[in-house]
PDB file of N, CA and C in Angstrom:
ATOM      1  N   MET A   1      80.253 -15.726 -17.864  1.00  0.00           N
ATOM      2  CA  MET A   1      79.242 -15.235 -16.730  1.00  0.00           C
ATOM      3  C   MET A   1      79.267 -14.217 -16.375  1.00  0.00           C
ATOM      4  N   THR A   2      78.468 -12.890 -15.479  1.00  0.00           N
ATOM      5  CA  THR A   2      79.441 -12.384 -15.041  1.00  0.00           C
ATOM      6  C   THR A   2      79.168 -11.672 -13.799  1.00  0.00           C
ATOM      7  N   LEU A   3      79.924 -11.546 -12.500  1.00  0.00           N
ATOM      8  CA  LEU A   3      78.918 -11.575 -11.032  1.00  0.00           C
ATOM      9  C   LEU A   3      78.872 -10.717 -10.839  1.00  0.00           C
ATOM     10  N   ASP A   4      77.517 -10.833  -9.764  1.00  0.00           N
ATOM     11  CA  ASP A   4      76.879  -9.946  -8.947  1.00  0.00           C
ATOM     12  C   ASP A   4      77.669  -9.910  -7.456  1.00  0.00           C
ATOM     13  N   THR A   5      77.880  -8.742  -7.213  1.00  0.00           N
ATOM     14  CA  THR A   5      78.778  -8.727  -5.532  1.00  0.00           C
ATOM     15  C   THR A   5      77.692  -9.829  -4.692  1.00  0.00           C
ATOM     16  N   ASN A   6      76.956  -9.666  -5.032  1.00  0.00           N
ATOM     17  CA  ASN A   6      75.976  -9.844  -3.087  1.00  0.00           C
ATOM     18  C   ASN A   6      76.527 -12.063  -4.450  1.00  0.00           C
ATOM     19  N   ILE A   7      76.881 -12.251  -4.960  1.00  0.00           N
ATOM     20  CA  ILE A   7      77.314 -13.549  -5.193  1.00  0.00           C
ATOM     21  C   ILE A   7      78.186 -14.205  -5.337  1.00  0.00           C
ATOM     22  N   ILE A   8      79.233 -12.992  -4.978  1.00  0.00           N
ATOM     23  CA  ILE A   8      80.765 -13.766  -4.624  1.00  0.00           C
ATOM     24  C   ILE A   8      81.029 -13.423  -3.174  1.00  0.00           C
ATOM     25  N   ILE A   9      79.806 -12.773  -2.141  1.00  0.00           N
ATOM     26  CA  ILE A   9      79.805 -12.374  -1.043  1.00  0.00           C
ATOM     27  C   ILE A   9      79.141 -13.812  -0.856  1.00  0.00           C
ATOM     28  N   ALA A  10      78.520 -14.562  -1.491  1.00  0.00           N
ATOM     29  CA  ALA A  10      77.952 -15.863  -1.260  1.00  0.00           C
ATOM     30  C   ALA A  10      78.787 -16.553  -1.361  1.00  0.00           C
ATOM     31  N   TYR A  11      79.485 -16.785  -2.590  1.00  0.00           N
ATOM     32  CA  TYR A  11      80.217 -18.048  -1.848  1.00  0.00           C
ATOM     33  C   TYR A  11      81.598 -17.839  -1.552  1.00  0.00           C
ATOM     34  N   LEU A  12      81.820 -17.135  -0.930  1.00  0.00           N
ATOM     35  CA  LEU A  12      83.013 -17.023   0.584  1.00  0.00           C
ATOM     36  C   LEU A  12      82.803 -17.883   1.467  1.00  0.00           C
ATOM     37  N   LYS A  13      80.915 -17.419   1.729  1.00  0.00           N
ATOM     38  CA  LYS A  13      80.288 -17.567   2.654  1.00  0.00           C
ATOM     39  C   LYS A  13      80.216 -19.428   3.009  1.00  0.00           C
ATOM     40  N   GLY A  14      80.317 -19.740   0.958  1.00  0.00           N
ATOM     41  CA  GLY A  14      80.158 -21.383   1.919  1.00  0.00           C
ATOM     42  C   GLY A  14      78.650 -21.888   0.821  1.00  0.00           C
ATOM     43  N   GLU A  15      78.678 -20.794   0.373  1.00  0.00           N
ATOM     44  CA  GLU A  15      76.341 -21.199   0.534  1.00  0.00           C
ATOM     45  C   GLU A  15      76.837 -22.484  -0.510  1.00  0.00           C
ATOM     46  N   GLU A  16      75.693 -23.122   0.036  1.00  0.00           N
ATOM     47  CA  GLU A  16      75.985 -24.555  -1.096  1.00  0.00           C
ATOM     48  C   GLU A  16      75.379 -24.358  -2.861  1.00  0.00           C
ATOM     49  N   GLU A  17      74.659 -23.911  -2.543  1.00  0.00           N
ATOM     50  CA  GLU A  17      73.898 -23.209  -3.976  1.00  0.00           C
ATOM     51  C   GLU A  17      74.642 -22.672  -4.650  1.00  0.00           C
ATOM     52  N   VAL A  18      75.380 -21.460  -4.529  1.00  0.00           N
ATOM     53  CA  VAL A  18      76.155 -20.705  -5.074  1.00  0.00           C
ATOM     54  C   VAL A  18      77.556 -21.419  -5.313  1.00  0.00           C
ATOM     55  N   ALA A  19      78.115 -21.668  -4.585  1.00  0.00           N
ATOM     56  CA  ALA A  19      79.294 -22.414  -4.195  1.00  0.00           C
ATOM     57  C   ALA A  19      79.446 -23.745  -5.713  1.00  0.00           C
ATOM     58  N   SER A  20      78.349 -24.390  -5.602  1.00  0.00           N
ATOM     59  CA  SER A  20      78.082 -25.074  -7.208  1.00  0.00           C
ATOM     60  C   SER A  20      78.034 -24.751  -8.207  1.00  0.00           C
ATOM     61  N   PHE A  21      77.116 -24.117  -8.375  1.00  0.00           N
ATOM     62  CA  PHE A  21      77.152 -23.245  -9.666  1.00  0.00           C
ATOM     63  C   PHE A  21      78.553 -22.113  -9.940  1.00  0.00           C
ATOM     64  N   VAL A  22      78.623 -21.083  -8.931  1.00  0.00           N
ATOM     65  CA  VAL A  22      79.902 -21.001  -9.768  1.00  0.00           C
ATOM     66  C   VAL A  22      80.817 -21.743 -10.062  1.00  0.00           C
ATOM     67  N   ASP A  23      81.603 -22.767  -8.981  1.00  0.00           N
ATOM     68  CA  ASP A  23      82.340 -23.764 -10.000  1.00  0.00           C
ATOM     69  C   ASP A  23      81.917 -24.986 -11.089  1.00  0.00           C
ATOM     70  N   ALA A  24      80.704 -24.984 -10.951  1.00  0.00           N
ATOM     71  CA  ALA A  24      80.808 -25.380 -11.988  1.00  0.00           C
ATOM     72  C   ALA A  24      80.735 -24.357 -13.797  1.00  0.00           C
ATOM     73  N   THR A  25      80.465 -23.325 -13.552  1.00  0.00           N
ATOM     74  CA  THR A  25      80.646 -22.361 -15.058  1.00  0.00           C
ATOM     75  C   THR A  25      82.116 -22.040 -14.973  1.00  0.00           C
ATOM     76  N   LYS A  26      82.665 -21.504 -13.517  1.00  0.00           N
ATOM     77  CA  LYS A  26      84.104 -21.570 -14.402  1.00  0.00           C
ATOM     78  C   LYS A  26      84.655 -22.912 -14.510  1.00  0.00           C
ATOM     79  N   LYS A  27      84.531 -24.657 -14.613  1.00  0.00           N
ATOM     80  CA  LYS A  27      84.822 -25.109 -15.772  1.00  0.00           C
ATOM     81  C   LYS A  27      84.810 -25.569 -16.775  1.00  0.00           C
ATOM     82  N   GLN A  28      83.385 -24.580 -17.570  1.00  0.00           N
ATOM     83  CA  GLN A  28      82.977 -24.612 -18.685  1.00  0.00           C
ATOM     84  C   GLN A  28      83.172 -23.117 -19.203  1.00  0.00           C
ATOM     85  N   GLY A  29      83.653 -21.980 -18.575  1.00  0.00           N
ATOM     86  CA  GLY A  29      84.368 -21.063 -19.294  1.00  0.00           C
ATOM     87  C   GLY A  29      84.534 -19.820 -18.155  1.00  0.00           C
ATOM     88  N   LEU A  30      84.854 -18.872 -18.517  1.00  0.00           N
ATOM     89  CA  LEU A  30      85.122 -17.378 -17.763  1.00  0.00           C
ATOM     90  C   LEU A  30      84.500 -16.991 -16.892  1.00  0.00           C
ATOM     91  N   LEU A  31      84.347 -16.495 -15.486  1.00  0.00           N
ATOM     92  CA  LEU A  31      83.947 -15.618 -15.196  1.00  0.00           C
ATOM     93  C   LEU A  31      84.294 -14.325 -15.108  1.00  0.00           C
ATOM     94  N   PHE A  32      83.273 -13.953 -15.236  1.00  0.00           N
ATOM     95  CA  PHE A  32      83.555 -12.214 -15.547  1.00  0.00           C
ATOM     96  C   PHE A  32      83.730 -10.848 -13.678  1.00  0.00           C
ATOM     97  N   LEU A  33      84.142 -10.492 -13.376  1.00  0.00           N
ATOM     98  CA  LEU A  33      84.068  -9.429 -12.659  1.00  0.00           C
ATOM     99  C   LEU A  33      83.873  -7.656 -12.884  1.00  0.00           C
ATOM    100  N   PRO A  34      83.129  -7.962 -12.268  1.00  0.00           N
ATOM    101  CA  PRO A  34      83.017  -5.930 -12.557  1.00  0.00           C
ATOM    102  C   PRO A  34      84.261  -4.925 -11.961  1.00  0.00           C
ATOM    103  N   ALA A  35      84.735  -4.540 -12.691  1.00  0.00           N
ATOM    104  CA  ALA A  35      85.158  -3.266 -12.140  1.00  0.00           C
ATOM    105  C   ALA A  35      84.153  -3.034 -10.430  1.00  0.00           C
ATOM    106  N   THR A  36      83.377  -2.629 -11.282  1.00  0.00           N
ATOM    107  CA  THR A  36      82.513  -2.182  -9.502  1.00  0.00           C
ATOM    108  C   THR A  36      81.823  -3.371  -8.906  1.00  0.00           C
ATOM    109  N   VAL A  37      82.144  -3.889  -8.999  1.00  0.00           N
ATOM    110  CA  VAL A  37      82.042  -5.431  -7.780  1.00  0.00           C
ATOM    111  C   VAL A  37      83.305  -5.470  -7.712  1.00  0.00           C
ATOM    112  N   GLU A  38      84.306  -5.555  -8.494  1.00  0.00           N
ATOM    113  CA  GLU A  38      85.560  -5.113  -7.227  1.00  0.00           C
ATOM    114  C   GLU A  38      85.894  -4.497  -6.074  1.00  0.00           C
ATOM    115  N   GLY A  39      84.814  -3.254  -6.635  1.00  0.00           N
ATOM    116  CA  GLY A  39      85.193  -1.932  -6.020  1.00  0.00           C
ATOM    117  C   GLY A  39      84.155  -2.086  -4.709  1.00  0.00           C
ATOM    118  N   GLU A  40      83.355  -2.244  -4.423  1.00  0.00           N
ATOM    119  CA  GLU A  40      82.584  -2.842  -3.831  1.00  0.00           C
ATOM    120  C   GLU A  40      82.807  -4.386  -2.726  1.00  0.00           C
ATOM    121  N   PHE A  41      82.939  -5.082  -2.891  1.00  0.00           N
ATOM    122  CA  PHE A  41      83.495  -6.541  -2.506  1.00  0.00           C
ATOM    123  C   PHE A  41      84.331  -5.644  -1.528  1.00  0.00           C
ATOM    124  N   LEU A  42      85.341  -5.180  -2.288  1.00  0.00           N
ATOM    125  CA  LEU A  42      87.286  -4.665  -1.216  1.00  0.00           C
ATOM    126  C   LEU A  42      87.107  -3.616  -0.467  1.00  0.00           C
ATOM    127  N   SER A  43      85.249  -2.214  -0.182  1.00  0.00           N
ATOM    128  CA  SER A  43      85.660  -1.521   0.511  1.00  0.00           C
ATOM    129  C   SER A  43      85.336  -1.740   1.908  1.00  0.00           C
ATOM    130  N   PHE A  44      84.498  -2.750   1.749  1.00  0.00           N
ATOM    131  CA  PHE A  44      84.172  -3.621   3.293  1.00  0.00           C
ATOM    132  C   PHE A  44      85.339  -3.335   4.235  1.00  0.00           C
ATOM    133  N   SER A  45      84.741  -2.611   4.641  1.00  0.00           N
ATOM    134  CA  SER A  45      85.194  -2.333   6.161  1.00  0.00           C
ATOM    135  C   SER A  45      85.793  -2.536   7.099  1.00  0.00           C
ATOM    136  N   GLU A  46      84.456  -3.507   7.495  1.00  0.00           N
ATOM    137  CA  GLU A  46      85.789  -5.301   8.839  1.00  0.00           C
ATOM    138  C   GLU A  46      86.879  -5.542   8.518  1.00  0.00           C
ATOM    139  N   TRP A  47      87.154  -5.486   7.387  1.00  0.00           N
ATOM    140  CA  TRP A  47      88.563  -6.613   6.930  1.00  0.00           C
ATOM    141  C   TRP A  47      89.683  -5.538   7.330  1.00  0.00           C
ATOM    142  N   THR A  48      90.785  -6.315   7.275  1.00  0.00           N
ATOM    143  CA  THR A  48      91.701  -6.468   7.879  1.00  0.00           C
ATOM    144  C   THR A  48      93.423  -5.546   6.759  1.00  0.00           C
ATOM    145  N   PRO A  49      94.117  -4.963   6.998  1.00  0.00           N
ATOM    146  CA  PRO A  49      94.478  -4.870   5.778  1.00  0.00           C
ATOM    147  C   PRO A  49      95.349  -6.501   5.075  1.00  0.00           C
ATOM    148  N   GLU A  50      95.435  -7.253   6.225  1.00  0.00           N
ATOM    149  CA  GLU A  50      95.667  -8.650   5.718  1.00  0.00           C
ATOM    150  C   GLU A  50      94.438  -9.143   5.276  1.00  0.00           C
ATOM    151  N   GLN A  51      93.365  -9.603   5.555  1.00  0.00           N
ATOM    152  CA  GLN A  51      91.975 -10.089   4.682  1.00  0.00           C
ATOM    153  C   GLN A  51      92.173  -9.300   3.658  1.00  0.00           C
ATOM    154  N   ARG A  52      91.795  -8.167   3.075  1.00  0.00           N
ATOM    155  CA  ARG A  52      91.716  -7.347   2.204  1.00  0.00           C
ATOM    156  C   ARG A  52      93.210  -7.844   1.261  1.00  0.00           C
ATOM    157  N   HIS A  53      93.966  -8.715   1.538  1.00  0.00           N
ATOM    158  CA  HIS A  53      95.477  -8.394   0.513  1.00  0.00           C
ATOM    159  C   HIS A  53      94.798  -9.989  -0.046  1.00  0.00           C
ATOM    160  N   GLY A  54      94.001 -11.159   1.008  1.00  0.00           N
ATOM    161  CA  GLY A  54      94.054 -12.099   0.145  1.00  0.00           C
ATOM    162  C   GLY A  54      92.899 -11.617  -0.335  1.00  0.00           C
ATOM    163  N   MET A  55      91.501 -11.434   0.476  1.00  0.00           N
ATOM    164  CA  MET A  55      90.772 -11.149  -1.331  1.00  0.00           C
ATOM    165  C   MET A  55      91.135 -11.148  -2.228  1.00  0.00           C
ATOM    166  N   GLU A  56      91.865  -9.949  -2.501  1.00  0.00           N
ATOM    167  CA  GLU A  56      92.309  -9.567  -4.183  1.00  0.00           C
ATOM    168  C   GLU A  56      93.173 -10.203  -4.578  1.00  0.00           C
ATOM    169  N   LYS A  57      93.634 -11.161  -4.363  1.00  0.00           N
ATOM    170  CA  LYS A  57      94.440 -12.302  -4.548  1.00  0.00           C
ATOM    171  C   LYS A  57      94.059 -13.779  -4.952  1.00  0.00           C
ATOM    172  N   PHE A  58      92.494 -13.514  -4.136  1.00  0.00           N
ATOM    173  CA  PHE A  58      91.222 -14.873  -4.537  1.00  0.00           C
ATOM    174  C   PHE A  58      90.352 -14.269  -5.686  1.00  0.00           C
ATOM    175  N   LEU A  59      90.665 -12.844  -5.894  1.00  0.00           N
ATOM    176  CA  LEU A  59      89.410 -12.701  -7.020  1.00  0.00           C
ATOM    177  C   LEU A  59      90.658 -11.900  -8.508  1.00  0.00           C
ATOM    178  N   GLU A  60      91.738 -11.809  -7.816  1.00  0.00           N
ATOM    179  CA  GLU A  60      92.926 -11.780  -9.103  1.00  0.00           C
ATOM    180  C   GLU A  60      92.742 -13.529  -9.738  1.00  0.00           C
ATOM    181  N   GLU A  61      92.854 -14.182  -8.873  1.00  0.00           N
ATOM    182  CA  GLU A  61      93.298 -15.730  -9.114  1.00  0.00           C
ATOM    183  C   GLU A  61      92.398 -16.610  -9.937  1.00  0.00           C
ATOM    184  N   ASN A  62      91.082 -15.641  -9.783  1.00  0.00           N
ATOM    185  CA  ASN A  62      89.497 -17.582 -10.077  1.00  0.00           C
ATOM    186  C   ASN A  62      88.756 -16.087 -10.824  1.00  0.00           C
ATOM    187  N   PHE A  63      88.964 -14.814 -11.235  1.00  0.00           N
ATOM    188  CA  PHE A  63      87.572 -13.952 -11.969  1.00  0.00           C
ATOM    189  C   PHE A  63      89.210 -13.410 -12.611  1.00  0.00           C
ATOM    190  N   LEU A  64      88.205 -12.882 -14.463  1.00  0.00           N
ATOM    191  CA  LEU A  64      88.271 -12.119 -16.138  1.00  0.00           C
ATOM    192  C   LEU A  64      87.867 -10.869 -14.591  1.00  0.00           C
ATOM    193  N   PHE A  65      89.285  -9.786 -14.539  1.00  0.00           N
ATOM    194  CA  PHE A  65      88.605  -8.635 -14.136  1.00  0.00           C
ATOM    195  C   PHE A  65      88.177  -7.583 -15.180  1.00  0.00           C
ATOM    196  N   VAL A  66      86.692  -6.607 -15.497  1.00  0.00           N
ATOM    197  CA  VAL A  66      86.634  -6.001 -16.402  1.00  0.00           C
ATOM    198  C   VAL A  66      86.825  -4.599 -15.110  1.00  0.00           C
ATOM    199  N   PRO A  67      87.856  -4.029 -16.157  1.00  0.00           N
ATOM    200  CA  PRO A  67      87.653  -2.287 -16.453  1.00  0.00           C
ATOM    201  C   PRO A  67      86.827  -1.752 -16.376  1.00  0.00           C
ATOM    202  N   LEU A  68      86.265  -0.472 -16.057  1.00  0.00           N
ATOM    203  CA  LEU A  68      85.274   0.246 -16.174  1.00  0.00           C
ATOM    204  C   LEU A  68      86.114   1.694 -17.304  1.00  0.00           C
ATOM    205  N   ASP A  69      85.828   0.701 -18.320  1.00  0.00           N
ATOM    206  CA  ASP A  69      86.094   1.703 -19.657  1.00  0.00           C
ATOM    207  C   ASP A  69      85.808   2.770 -19.985  1.00  0.00           C
ATOM    208  N   ARG A  70      86.077   3.411 -21.495  1.00  0.00           N
ATOM    209  CA  ARG A  70      84.403   4.373 -21.793  1.00  0.00           C
ATOM    210  C   ARG A  70      83.405   3.357 -22.408  1.00  0.00           C
ATOM    211  N   PRO A  71      83.597   2.626 -22.626  1.00  0.00           N
ATOM    212  CA  PRO A  71      82.238   1.903 -24.115  1.00  0.00           C
ATOM    213  C   PRO A  71      81.235   0.874 -22.716  1.00  0.00           C
ATOM    214  N   ILE A  72      82.093   1.038 -21.445  1.00  0.00           N
ATOM    215  CA  ILE A  72      81.117   0.647 -20.437  1.00  0.00           C
ATOM    216  C   ILE A  72      80.398   1.715 -19.218  1.00  0.00           C
ATOM    217  N   THR A  73      81.227   2.836 -19.597  1.00  0.00           N
ATOM    218  CA  THR A  73      80.552   3.613 -18.908  1.00  0.00           C
ATOM    219  C   THR A  73      79.645   4.561 -20.014  1.00  0.00           C
ATOM    220  N   ARG A  74      79.994   4.339 -21.026  1.00  0.00           N
ATOM    221  CA  ARG A  74      78.847   4.845 -21.294  1.00  0.00           C
ATOM    222  C   ARG A  74      77.769   4.090 -22.290  1.00  0.00           C
ATOM    223  N   LEU A  75      77.655   2.442 -21.996  1.00  0.00           N
ATOM    224  CA  LEU A  75      76.787   2.379 -22.052  1.00  0.00           C
ATOM    225  C   LEU A  75      75.931   1.771 -20.636  1.00  0.00           C
ATOM    226  N   ALA A  76      76.501   2.284 -19.317  1.00  0.00           N
ATOM    227  CA  ALA A  76      76.266   1.986 -18.685  1.00  0.00           C
ATOM    228  C   ALA A  76      75.011   3.841 -17.624  1.00  0.00           C
ATOM    229  N   ALA A  77      75.493   4.218 -18.662  1.00  0.00           N
ATOM    230  CA  ALA A  77      74.868   5.657 -18.892  1.00  0.00           C
ATOM    231  C   ALA A  77      73.517   5.418 -19.372  1.00  0.00           C
ATOM    232  N   GLN A  78      73.404   4.688 -20.799  1.00  0.00           N
ATOM    233  CA  GLN A  78      71.764   4.884 -21.305  1.00  0.00           C
ATOM    234  C   GLN A  78      71.545   3.755 -20.632  1.00  0.00           C
ATOM    235  N   ILE A  79      71.717   2.638 -19.730  1.00  0.00           N
ATOM    236  CA  ILE A  79      71.050   1.437 -19.396  1.00  0.00           C
ATOM    237  C   ILE A  79      70.822   2.503 -17.795  1.00  0.00           C
ATOM    238  N   ARG A  80      71.099   3.474 -17.500  1.00  0.00           N
ATOM    239  CA  ARG A  80      70.482   4.014 -15.954  1.00  0.00           C
ATOM    240  C   ARG A  80      70.012   5.400 -16.284  1.00  0.00           C
ATOM    241  N   THR A  81      70.031   5.688 -17.567  1.00  0.00           N
ATOM    242  CA  THR A  81      68.786   6.442 -18.176  1.00  0.00           C
ATOM    243  C   THR A  81      67.581   6.422 -18.121  1.00  0.00           C
ATOM    244  N   LYS A  82      67.410   4.920 -19.067  1.00  0.00           N
ATOM    245  CA  LYS A  82      66.111   4.285 -19.460  1.00  0.00           C
ATOM    246  C   LYS A  82      65.894   3.272 -17.917  1.00  0.00           C
ATOM    247  N   ALA A  83      66.443   2.998 -16.684  1.00  0.00           N
ATOM    248  CA  ALA A  83      65.878   1.541 -16.496  1.00  0.00           C
ATOM    249  C   ALA A  83      65.648   2.462 -14.955  1.00  0.00           C
ATOM    250  N   LYS A  84      66.480   3.933 -14.481  1.00  0.00           N
ATOM    251  CA  LYS A  84      66.096   4.716 -13.472  1.00  0.00           C
ATOM    252  C   LYS A  84      67.521   3.379 -12.685  1.00  0.00           C
ATOM    253  N   ILE A  85      68.260   3.223 -12.387  1.00  0.00           N
ATOM    254  CA  ILE A  85      68.310   2.475 -11.791  1.00  0.00           C
ATOM    255  C   ILE A  85      70.368   3.915 -10.767  1.00  0.00           C
ATOM    256  N   ALA A  86      70.469   2.234  -9.798  1.00  0.00           N
ATOM    257  CA  ALA A  86      71.587   3.558  -9.100  1.00  0.00           C
ATOM    258  C   ALA A  86      72.815   2.969 -10.747  1.00  0.00           C
ATOM    259  N   PHE A  87      73.861   3.771 -10.138  1.00  0.00           N
ATOM    260  CA  PHE A  87      75.036   3.619 -11.592  1.00  0.00           C
ATOM    261  C   PHE A  87      75.677   2.591 -11.266  1.00  0.00           C
ATOM    262  N   ALA A  88      76.217   1.832 -10.198  1.00  0.00           N
ATOM    263  CA  ALA A  88      76.816   0.986  -9.552  1.00  0.00           C
ATOM    264  C   ALA A  88      76.500  -0.577 -10.833  1.00  0.00           C
ATOM    265  N   ASP A  89      74.822  -0.974  -9.933  1.00  0.00           N
ATOM    266  CA  ASP A  89      74.298  -1.893 -10.675  1.00  0.00           C
ATOM    267  C   ASP A  89      74.420  -1.942 -11.960  1.00  0.00           C
ATOM    268  N   ALA A  90      74.281  -0.706 -12.794  1.00  0.00           N
ATOM    269  CA  ALA A  90      74.084   0.039 -14.213  1.00  0.00           C
ATOM    270  C   ALA A  90      75.712  -0.187 -15.345  1.00  0.00           C
ATOM    271  N   THR A  91      76.666  -0.743 -14.330  1.00  0.00           N
ATOM    272  CA  THR A  91      77.853   0.256 -14.910  1.00  0.00           C
ATOM    273  C   THR A  91      78.210  -1.908 -15.066  1.00  0.00           C
ATOM    274  N   ILE A  92      77.088  -3.000 -13.783  1.00  0.00           N
ATOM    275  CA  ILE A  92      77.386  -4.169 -13.291  1.00  0.00           C
ATOM    276  C   ILE A  92      76.151  -4.063 -14.935  1.00  0.00           C
ATOM    277  N   ALA A  93      75.623  -4.577 -14.971  1.00  0.00           N
ATOM    278  CA  ALA A  93      74.125  -4.427 -16.204  1.00  0.00           C
ATOM    279  C   ALA A  93      75.468  -4.247 -17.420  1.00  0.00           C
ATOM    280  N   ALA A  94      75.535  -2.673 -17.905  1.00  0.00           N
ATOM    281  CA  ALA A  94      76.474  -2.615 -18.558  1.00  0.00           C
ATOM    282  C   ALA A  94      77.755  -3.685 -18.996  1.00  0.00           C
ATOM    283  N   THR A  95      78.188  -5.257 -17.823  1.00  0.00           N
ATOM    284  CA  THR A  95      79.354  -5.315 -18.167  1.00  0.00           C
ATOM    285  C   THR A  95      79.280  -7.103 -18.771  1.00  0.00           C
ATOM    286  N   ALA A  96      77.511  -7.474 -18.223  1.00  0.00           N
ATOM    287  CA  ALA A  96      77.271  -8.170 -18.754  1.00  0.00           C
ATOM    288  C   ALA A  96      76.677  -8.015 -20.298  1.00  0.00           C
ATOM    289  N   LEU A  97      76.406  -6.883 -20.531  1.00  0.00           N
ATOM    290  CA  LEU A  97      75.747  -6.581 -21.933  1.00  0.00           C
ATOM    291  C   LEU A  97      77.249  -6.703 -22.707  1.00  0.00           C
ATOM    292  N   PHE A  98      78.038  -5.964 -22.463  1.00  0.00           N
ATOM    293  CA  PHE A  98      79.512  -5.254 -23.198  1.00  0.00           C
ATOM    294  C   PHE A  98      80.617  -7.284 -23.347  1.00  0.00           C
ATOM    295  N   THR A  99      80.607  -7.992 -22.539  1.00  0.00           N
ATOM    296  CA  THR A  99      80.936  -9.299 -22.320  1.00  0.00           C
ATOM    297  C   THR A  99      79.601 -10.575 -22.923  1.00  0.00           C
ATOM    298  N   ASN A 100      78.501  -9.649 -23.912  1.00  0.00           N
ATOM    299  CA  ASN A 100      78.062 -10.650 -23.879  1.00  0.00           C
ATOM    300  C   ASN A 100      77.511 -11.976 -22.519  1.00  0.00           C
ATOM    301  N   THR A 101      77.179 -11.544 -21.902  1.00  0.00           N
ATOM    302  CA  THR A 101      77.049 -13.081 -20.777  1.00  0.00           C
ATOM    303  C   THR A 101      76.784 -12.339 -19.669  1.00  0.00           C
ATOM    304  N   PRO A 102      75.310 -13.481 -19.379  1.00  0.00           N
ATOM    305  CA  PRO A 102      74.224 -13.652 -18.125  1.00  0.00           C
ATOM    306  C   PRO A 102      75.135 -12.747 -16.603  1.00  0.00           C
ATOM    307  N   LEU A 103      74.621 -12.600 -17.006  1.00  0.00           N
ATOM    308  CA  LEU A 103      74.457 -11.526 -14.733  1.00  0.00           C
ATOM    309  C   LEU A 103      73.897 -12.741 -14.251  1.00  0.00           C
ATOM    310  N   LEU A 104      74.905 -13.351 -12.763  1.00  0.00           N
ATOM    311  CA  LEU A 104      74.595 -14.267 -12.006  1.00  0.00           C
ATOM    312  C   LEU A 104      74.456 -13.347 -10.643  1.00  0.00           C
ATOM    313  N   THR A 105      72.824 -13.295 -10.179  1.00  0.00           N
ATOM    314  CA  THR A 105      72.773 -11.999  -9.209  1.00  0.00           C
ATOM    315  C   THR A 105      72.414 -12.613  -8.555  1.00  0.00           C
ATOM    316  N   ARG A 106      71.787 -12.334  -7.232  1.00  0.00           N
ATOM    317  CA  ARG A 106      70.462 -12.170  -6.069  1.00  0.00           C
ATOM    318  C   ARG A 106      69.572 -10.862  -6.191  1.00  0.00           C
ATOM    319  N   ASN A 107      69.865 -10.073  -6.795  1.00  0.00           N
ATOM    320  CA  ASN A 107      69.828  -8.758  -6.838  1.00  0.00           C
ATOM    321  C   ASN A 107      68.666  -8.104  -8.018  1.00  0.00           C
ATOM    322  N   VAL A 108      67.942 -10.000  -8.576  1.00  0.00           N
ATOM    323  CA  VAL A 108      66.719  -9.623  -9.408  1.00  0.00           C
ATOM    324  C   VAL A 108      66.128  -8.318  -9.976  1.00  0.00           C
ATOM    325  N   ARG A 109      65.853  -8.321  -8.803  1.00  0.00           N
ATOM    326  CA  ARG A 109      64.513  -6.539  -8.984  1.00  0.00           C
ATOM    327  C   ARG A 109      65.228  -4.944  -9.803  1.00  0.00           C
ATOM    328  N   ASP A 110      66.580  -5.545  -9.493  1.00  0.00           N
ATOM    329  CA  ASP A 110      67.182  -4.268 -10.609  1.00  0.00           C
ATOM    330  C   ASP A 110      67.497  -3.960 -11.343  1.00  0.00           C
ATOM    331  N   PHE A 111      67.793  -4.912 -11.849  1.00  0.00           N
ATOM    332  CA  PHE A 111      68.302  -5.947 -13.055  1.00  0.00           C
ATOM    333  C   PHE A 111      67.068  -6.017 -13.920  1.00  0.00           C
ATOM    334  N   LYS A 112      65.432  -6.123 -13.827  1.00  0.00           N
ATOM    335  CA  LYS A 112      64.794  -7.002 -13.856  1.00  0.00           C
ATOM    336  C   LYS A 112      64.202  -5.586 -15.330  1.00  0.00           C
ATOM    337  N   LYS A 113      64.343  -4.876 -14.711  1.00  0.00           N
ATOM    338  CA  LYS A 113      64.118  -3.152 -15.978  1.00  0.00           C
ATOM    339  C   LYS A 113      64.440  -3.371 -17.886  1.00  0.00           C
ATOM    340  N   ILE A 114      66.429  -4.231 -16.736  1.00  0.00           N
ATOM    341  CA  ILE A 114      66.935  -4.077 -17.997  1.00  0.00           C
ATOM    342  C   ILE A 114      66.417  -4.965 -19.822  1.00  0.00           C
ATOM    343  N   ASP A 115      66.039  -4.574 -20.818  1.00  0.00           N
ATOM    344  CA  ASP A 115      65.662  -4.493 -21.774  1.00  0.00           C
ATOM    345  C   ASP A 115      67.157  -5.658 -22.735  1.00  0.00           C
ATOM    346  N   SER A 116      67.141  -6.748 -22.623  1.00  0.00           N
ATOM    347  CA  SER A 116      68.199  -7.831 -23.413  1.00  0.00           C
ATOM    348  C   SER A 116      69.268  -8.590 -22.657  1.00  0.00           C
ATOM    349  N   LEU A 117      69.201  -8.348 -21.052  1.00  0.00           N
ATOM    350  CA  LEU A 117      69.717  -8.383 -20.473  1.00  0.00           C
ATOM    351  C   LEU A 117      69.422  -9.599 -20.359  1.00  0.00           C
ATOM    352  N   GLN A 118      70.078 -10.737 -19.857  1.00  0.00           N
ATOM    353  CA  GLN A 118      69.806 -12.215 -19.277  1.00  0.00           C
ATOM    354  C   GLN A 118      70.278 -11.719 -17.967  1.00  0.00           C
ATOM    355  N   LEU A 119      69.712 -12.682 -16.886  1.00  0.00           N
ATOM    356  CA  LEU A 119      69.700 -12.432 -15.992  1.00  0.00           C
ATOM    357  C   LEU A 119      69.802 -14.644 -15.581  1.00  0.00           C
ATOM    358  N   ILE A 120      70.639 -14.028 -13.776  1.00  0.00           N
ATOM    359  CA  ILE A 120      70.271 -16.031 -13.603  1.00  0.00           C
ATOM    360  C   ILE A 120      70.668 -16.035 -12.452  1.00  0.00           C
ATOM    361  N   SER A 121      69.588 -15.659 -11.181  1.00  0.00           N
ATOM    362  CA  SER A 121      69.611 -15.678  -9.253  1.00  0.00           C
ATOM    363  C   SER A 121      69.514 -17.202  -9.165  1.00  0.00           C
ATOM    364  N   LEU A 122      70.398 -16.601  -7.764  1.00  0.00           N
ATOM    365  CA  LEU A 122      70.015 -18.215  -6.875  1.00  0.00           C
ATOM    366  C   LEU A 122      69.720 -17.521  -5.418  1.00  0.00           C
TER     367      LEU A 122
END
């Protein structure tokens, strides 16, 4: 399963539905973290350097990082052109398609325009 930024935030806030679903899914297989999600998440300006380091460690220990490489960026460009969504969202969707996994998000509106993308919303 590929995770959107809003799911990581909800998980860390301890939102029960999200935490239970993510933990159960993690036991069954890999949880993919798109490079874009990591960048969005770690760019929150209110964190101290120590907090940011703790978050980096949390991400590394719990999720499989998927770099933003050429195949994903090219797929994202195609998605953006067709679906008319932000490039960041297109890269997240492209990562889910590239890894052949559903996208877990709370932002279905931006992703529902993408053919063949399986969405799970909590």
